[in-house]
Amino acid sequence: MSEHPEGTLYTGGLRQRIEQTVSRISRIAASEFNDDVLIREELGIDSLMSMEILATLEKELDLELDEGEFASVETVGEFFALLESRYHDRRAAG
């Protein structure tokens, strides 16, 4: 995992870390996490599994995630973009 000079993770490293967590919880190979894949319909991630994923990522990445906001996310790409945005916002806020 690479670190940026200010101590933040490069996006590539962050995405890999998120993929590993989601893969571990969902038991879905990370290779299936293409940006245009539908989270619920194609991967079968239900609300209970999504709550576990969010809770784990909150703890691992020191974030506060809104479950309601996640409910509006449809694709893997949207999910990763949301998490990366929250992560970088959190790091910028100090």
N, C-alpha and C. Protein backbone atom coordinates (compact mmCIF):
# COMPACT_ATOMS: atom_id res chain seq x y z
N MET A 1 0.85 -1.17 0.00
CA MET A 1 0.00 0.00 0.00
C MET A 1 0.90 1.23 0.00
N SER A 2 0.71 2.12 -0.97
CA SER A 2 1.55 3.30 -1.11
C SER A 2 0.96 4.48 -0.35
N GLU A 3 1.86 5.29 0.21
CA GLU A 3 1.40 6.48 0.88
C GLU A 3 1.84 7.71 0.13
N HIS A 4 0.97 8.69 0.11
CA HIS A 4 1.23 9.99 -0.48
C HIS A 4 2.08 10.76 0.53
N PRO A 5 2.86 11.73 0.11
CA PRO A 5 3.70 12.48 1.05
C PRO A 5 2.94 13.07 2.23
N GLU A 6 1.68 13.46 2.04
CA GLU A 6 0.91 14.00 3.16
C GLU A 6 0.35 12.91 4.05
N GLY A 7 0.63 11.64 3.76
CA GLY A 7 0.17 10.56 4.61
C GLY A 7 -1.12 9.91 4.13
N THR A 8 -1.69 10.34 3.02
CA THR A 8 -2.90 9.72 2.52
C THR A 8 -2.54 8.61 1.56
N LEU A 9 -3.44 7.69 1.38
CA LEU A 9 -3.21 6.58 0.46
C LEU A 9 -3.45 7.03 -0.96
N TYR A 10 -2.65 6.53 -1.90
CA TYR A 10 -2.96 6.75 -3.30
C TYR A 10 -4.29 6.08 -3.60
N THR A 11 -5.05 6.63 -4.55
CA THR A 11 -6.35 6.09 -4.88
C THR A 11 -6.25 4.61 -5.25
N GLY A 12 -5.24 4.21 -6.00
CA GLY A 12 -5.10 2.81 -6.38
C GLY A 12 -4.98 1.91 -5.17
N GLY A 13 -4.19 2.29 -4.19
CA GLY A 13 -4.05 1.52 -2.96
C GLY A 13 -5.32 1.50 -2.15
N LEU A 14 -6.01 2.63 -2.12
CA LEU A 14 -7.27 2.71 -1.40
C LEU A 14 -8.30 1.79 -2.05
N ARG A 15 -8.39 1.84 -3.34
CA ARG A 15 -9.37 0.99 -4.03
C ARG A 15 -9.07 -0.49 -3.76
N GLN A 16 -7.82 -0.85 -3.81
CA GLN A 16 -7.44 -2.25 -3.55
C GLN A 16 -7.84 -2.65 -2.13
N ARG A 17 -7.63 -1.78 -1.19
CA ARG A 17 -7.99 -2.05 0.20
C ARG A 17 -9.51 -2.23 0.33
N ILE A 18 -10.28 -1.37 -0.32
CA ILE A 18 -11.74 -1.48 -0.29
C ILE A 18 -12.18 -2.78 -0.96
N GLU A 19 -11.59 -3.08 -2.12
CA GLU A 19 -11.92 -4.32 -2.83
C GLU A 19 -11.68 -5.54 -1.96
N GLN A 20 -10.56 -5.56 -1.25
CA GLN A 20 -10.24 -6.70 -0.39
C GLN A 20 -11.27 -6.86 0.71
N THR A 21 -11.68 -5.77 1.31
CA THR A 21 -12.67 -5.82 2.38
C THR A 21 -14.01 -6.30 1.85
N VAL A 22 -14.47 -5.72 0.74
CA VAL A 22 -15.75 -6.11 0.17
C VAL A 22 -15.71 -7.57 -0.27
N SER A 23 -14.61 -7.99 -0.86
CA SER A 23 -14.46 -9.37 -1.31
C SER A 23 -14.52 -10.34 -0.13
N ARG A 24 -13.84 -10.00 0.93
CA ARG A 24 -13.80 -10.86 2.12
C ARG A 24 -15.21 -11.03 2.72
N ILE A 25 -15.95 -9.95 2.82
CA ILE A 25 -17.28 -10.00 3.42
C ILE A 25 -18.30 -10.65 2.50
N SER A 26 -18.25 -10.29 1.23
CA SER A 26 -19.26 -10.78 0.28
C SER A 26 -18.93 -12.15 -0.31
N ARG A 27 -17.65 -12.55 -0.17
CA ARG A 27 -17.16 -13.80 -0.78
C ARG A 27 -17.29 -13.76 -2.30
N ILE A 28 -17.09 -12.56 -2.84
CA ILE A 28 -17.09 -12.34 -4.29
C ILE A 28 -15.67 -11.95 -4.67
N ALA A 29 -15.14 -12.57 -5.72
CA ALA A 29 -13.78 -12.26 -6.16
C ALA A 29 -13.67 -10.79 -6.55
N ALA A 30 -12.61 -10.15 -6.13
CA ALA A 30 -12.39 -8.74 -6.44
C ALA A 30 -12.34 -8.49 -7.95
N SER A 31 -11.99 -9.50 -8.72
CA SER A 31 -11.94 -9.36 -10.17
C SER A 31 -13.32 -9.08 -10.77
N GLU A 32 -14.38 -9.32 -10.02
CA GLU A 32 -15.74 -9.06 -10.49
C GLU A 32 -16.19 -7.62 -10.23
N PHE A 33 -15.37 -6.82 -9.56
CA PHE A 33 -15.75 -5.47 -9.19
C PHE A 33 -15.42 -4.47 -10.30
N ASN A 34 -15.98 -4.66 -11.46
CA ASN A 34 -15.83 -3.70 -12.55
C ASN A 34 -16.77 -2.54 -12.31
N ASP A 35 -16.36 -1.35 -12.73
CA ASP A 35 -17.11 -0.13 -12.43
C ASP A 35 -18.57 -0.15 -12.87
N ASP A 36 -18.90 -0.83 -13.96
CA ASP A 36 -20.27 -0.79 -14.47
C ASP A 36 -21.16 -1.93 -13.95
N VAL A 37 -20.63 -2.77 -13.07
CA VAL A 37 -21.41 -3.88 -12.51
C VAL A 37 -22.40 -3.34 -11.47
N LEU A 38 -23.64 -3.82 -11.55
CA LEU A 38 -24.68 -3.43 -10.60
C LEU A 38 -24.47 -4.18 -9.28
N ILE A 39 -24.44 -3.43 -8.19
CA ILE A 39 -24.12 -4.00 -6.88
C ILE A 39 -25.17 -5.01 -6.43
N ARG A 40 -26.41 -4.64 -6.48
CA ARG A 40 -27.46 -5.51 -5.95
C ARG A 40 -27.88 -6.58 -6.96
N GLU A 41 -28.15 -6.16 -8.18
CA GLU A 41 -28.68 -7.07 -9.19
C GLU A 41 -27.66 -8.08 -9.69
N GLU A 42 -26.43 -7.63 -9.93
CA GLU A 42 -25.43 -8.53 -10.52
C GLU A 42 -24.54 -9.20 -9.47
N LEU A 43 -24.21 -8.48 -8.40
CA LEU A 43 -23.36 -9.07 -7.37
C LEU A 43 -24.18 -9.72 -6.26
N GLY A 44 -25.44 -9.33 -6.12
CA GLY A 44 -26.30 -9.92 -5.11
C GLY A 44 -26.02 -9.43 -3.69
N ILE A 45 -25.45 -8.25 -3.57
CA ILE A 45 -25.20 -7.69 -2.24
C ILE A 45 -26.49 -7.10 -1.71
N ASP A 46 -27.02 -7.71 -0.64
CA ASP A 46 -28.29 -7.26 -0.07
C ASP A 46 -28.06 -6.22 1.02
N SER A 47 -29.13 -5.74 1.63
CA SER A 47 -29.02 -4.66 2.61
C SER A 47 -28.25 -5.08 3.85
N LEU A 48 -28.41 -6.32 4.30
CA LEU A 48 -27.68 -6.78 5.48
C LEU A 48 -26.18 -6.85 5.20
N MET A 49 -25.83 -7.39 4.05
CA MET A 49 -24.41 -7.47 3.68
C MET A 49 -23.84 -6.07 3.49
N SER A 50 -24.61 -5.17 2.89
CA SER A 50 -24.10 -3.81 2.68
C SER A 50 -23.86 -3.10 4.01
N MET A 51 -24.70 -3.36 5.01
CA MET A 51 -24.50 -2.75 6.33
C MET A 51 -23.20 -3.27 6.96
N GLU A 52 -22.93 -4.56 6.79
CA GLU A 52 -21.69 -5.14 7.31
C GLU A 52 -20.47 -4.56 6.59
N ILE A 53 -20.58 -4.41 5.28
CA ILE A 53 -19.49 -3.83 4.49
C ILE A 53 -19.23 -2.39 4.94
N LEU A 54 -20.29 -1.59 5.06
CA LEU A 54 -20.12 -0.20 5.47
C LEU A 54 -19.53 -0.09 6.87
N ALA A 55 -20.03 -0.90 7.80
CA ALA A 55 -19.52 -0.85 9.17
C ALA A 55 -18.04 -1.21 9.22
N THR A 56 -17.65 -2.21 8.46
CA THR A 56 -16.25 -2.63 8.43
C THR A 56 -15.37 -1.55 7.81
N LEU A 57 -15.83 -0.97 6.69
CA LEU A 57 -15.05 0.08 6.04
C LEU A 57 -14.96 1.34 6.90
N GLU A 58 -16.03 1.66 7.63
CA GLU A 58 -15.97 2.80 8.54
C GLU A 58 -14.84 2.61 9.56
N LYS A 59 -14.77 1.41 10.10
CA LYS A 59 -13.76 1.11 11.11
C LYS A 59 -12.36 1.08 10.49
N GLU A 60 -12.20 0.37 9.37
CA GLU A 60 -10.88 0.22 8.76
C GLU A 60 -10.32 1.52 8.20
N LEU A 61 -11.20 2.38 7.67
CA LEU A 61 -10.75 3.61 7.02
C LEU A 61 -10.98 4.86 7.87
N ASP A 62 -11.52 4.68 9.08
CA ASP A 62 -11.82 5.79 9.97
C ASP A 62 -12.74 6.80 9.29
N LEU A 63 -13.89 6.31 8.82
CA LEU A 63 -14.86 7.15 8.11
C LEU A 63 -16.21 7.09 8.78
N GLU A 64 -17.05 8.05 8.46
CA GLU A 64 -18.46 7.99 8.81
C GLU A 64 -19.22 7.93 7.49
N LEU A 65 -19.95 6.84 7.30
CA LEU A 65 -20.66 6.63 6.05
C LEU A 65 -22.16 6.64 6.30
N ASP A 66 -22.89 7.26 5.39
CA ASP A 66 -24.34 7.37 5.49
C ASP A 66 -24.98 6.21 4.72
N GLU A 67 -25.68 5.34 5.45
CA GLU A 67 -26.32 4.19 4.80
C GLU A 67 -27.34 4.62 3.76
N GLY A 68 -28.01 5.74 4.00
CA GLY A 68 -28.99 6.26 3.05
C GLY A 68 -28.34 6.66 1.74
N GLU A 69 -27.17 7.24 1.84
CA GLU A 69 -26.43 7.64 0.64
C GLU A 69 -25.99 6.39 -0.15
N PHE A 70 -25.59 5.36 0.57
CA PHE A 70 -25.19 4.12 -0.10
C PHE A 70 -26.39 3.49 -0.82
N ALA A 71 -27.59 3.65 -0.27
CA ALA A 71 -28.78 3.06 -0.89
C ALA A 71 -29.02 3.60 -2.29
N SER A 72 -28.55 4.82 -2.57
CA SER A 72 -28.76 5.41 -3.89
C SER A 72 -27.67 5.00 -4.89
N VAL A 73 -26.61 4.35 -4.41
CA VAL A 73 -25.52 3.90 -5.27
C VAL A 73 -25.95 2.62 -5.98
N GLU A 74 -25.75 2.60 -7.30
CA GLU A 74 -26.18 1.43 -8.07
C GLU A 74 -25.04 0.57 -8.59
N THR A 75 -23.92 1.19 -8.95
CA THR A 75 -22.83 0.42 -9.56
C THR A 75 -21.60 0.38 -8.65
N VAL A 76 -20.74 -0.56 -8.94
CA VAL A 76 -19.48 -0.68 -8.21
C VAL A 76 -18.67 0.60 -8.35
N GLY A 77 -18.63 1.18 -9.54
CA GLY A 77 -17.88 2.41 -9.76
C GLY A 77 -18.39 3.55 -8.89
N GLU A 78 -19.71 3.69 -8.78
CA GLU A 78 -20.29 4.73 -7.92
C GLU A 78 -19.92 4.50 -6.46
N PHE A 79 -19.93 3.24 -6.05
CA PHE A 79 -19.60 2.89 -4.67
C PHE A 79 -18.15 3.26 -4.35
N PHE A 80 -17.23 2.87 -5.23
CA PHE A 80 -15.82 3.20 -4.99
C PHE A 80 -15.59 4.70 -5.05
N ALA A 81 -16.23 5.39 -5.96
CA ALA A 81 -16.08 6.85 -6.05
C ALA A 81 -16.57 7.52 -4.76
N LEU A 82 -17.68 7.05 -4.23
CA LEU A 82 -18.23 7.61 -2.98
C LEU A 82 -17.25 7.39 -1.83
N LEU A 83 -16.74 6.18 -1.70
CA LEU A 83 -15.81 5.88 -0.61
C LEU A 83 -14.50 6.66 -0.75
N GLU A 84 -13.98 6.74 -1.96
CA GLU A 84 -12.75 7.48 -2.18
C GLU A 84 -12.94 8.96 -1.86
N SER A 85 -14.07 9.50 -2.24
CA SER A 85 -14.38 10.90 -1.96
C SER A 85 -14.46 11.15 -0.44
N ARG A 86 -15.17 10.28 0.26
CA ARG A 86 -15.29 10.41 1.72
C ARG A 86 -13.92 10.29 2.39
N TYR A 87 -13.13 9.35 1.91
CA TYR A 87 -11.81 9.13 2.49
C TYR A 87 -10.93 10.37 2.31
N HIS A 88 -10.91 10.92 1.11
CA HIS A 88 -10.06 12.08 0.85
C HIS A 88 -10.61 13.33 1.55
N ASP A 89 -11.93 13.48 1.65
CA ASP A 89 -12.52 14.60 2.40
C ASP A 89 -12.12 14.52 3.85
N ARG A 90 -12.15 13.32 4.41
CA ARG A 90 -11.81 13.10 5.82
C ARG A 90 -10.35 13.46 6.08
N ARG A 91 -9.48 13.05 5.17
CA ARG A 91 -8.06 13.33 5.32
C ARG A 91 -7.78 14.82 5.15
N ALA A 92 -8.48 15.48 4.25
CA ALA A 92 -8.28 16.92 4.05
C ALA A 92 -8.75 17.72 5.26
N ALA A 93 -9.79 17.23 5.94
CA ALA A 93 -10.33 17.93 7.10
C ALA A 93 -9.43 17.75 8.33
N GLY A 94 -8.54 16.77 8.25
CA GLY A 94 -7.58 16.56 9.31
C GLY A 94 -8.11 15.76 10.40
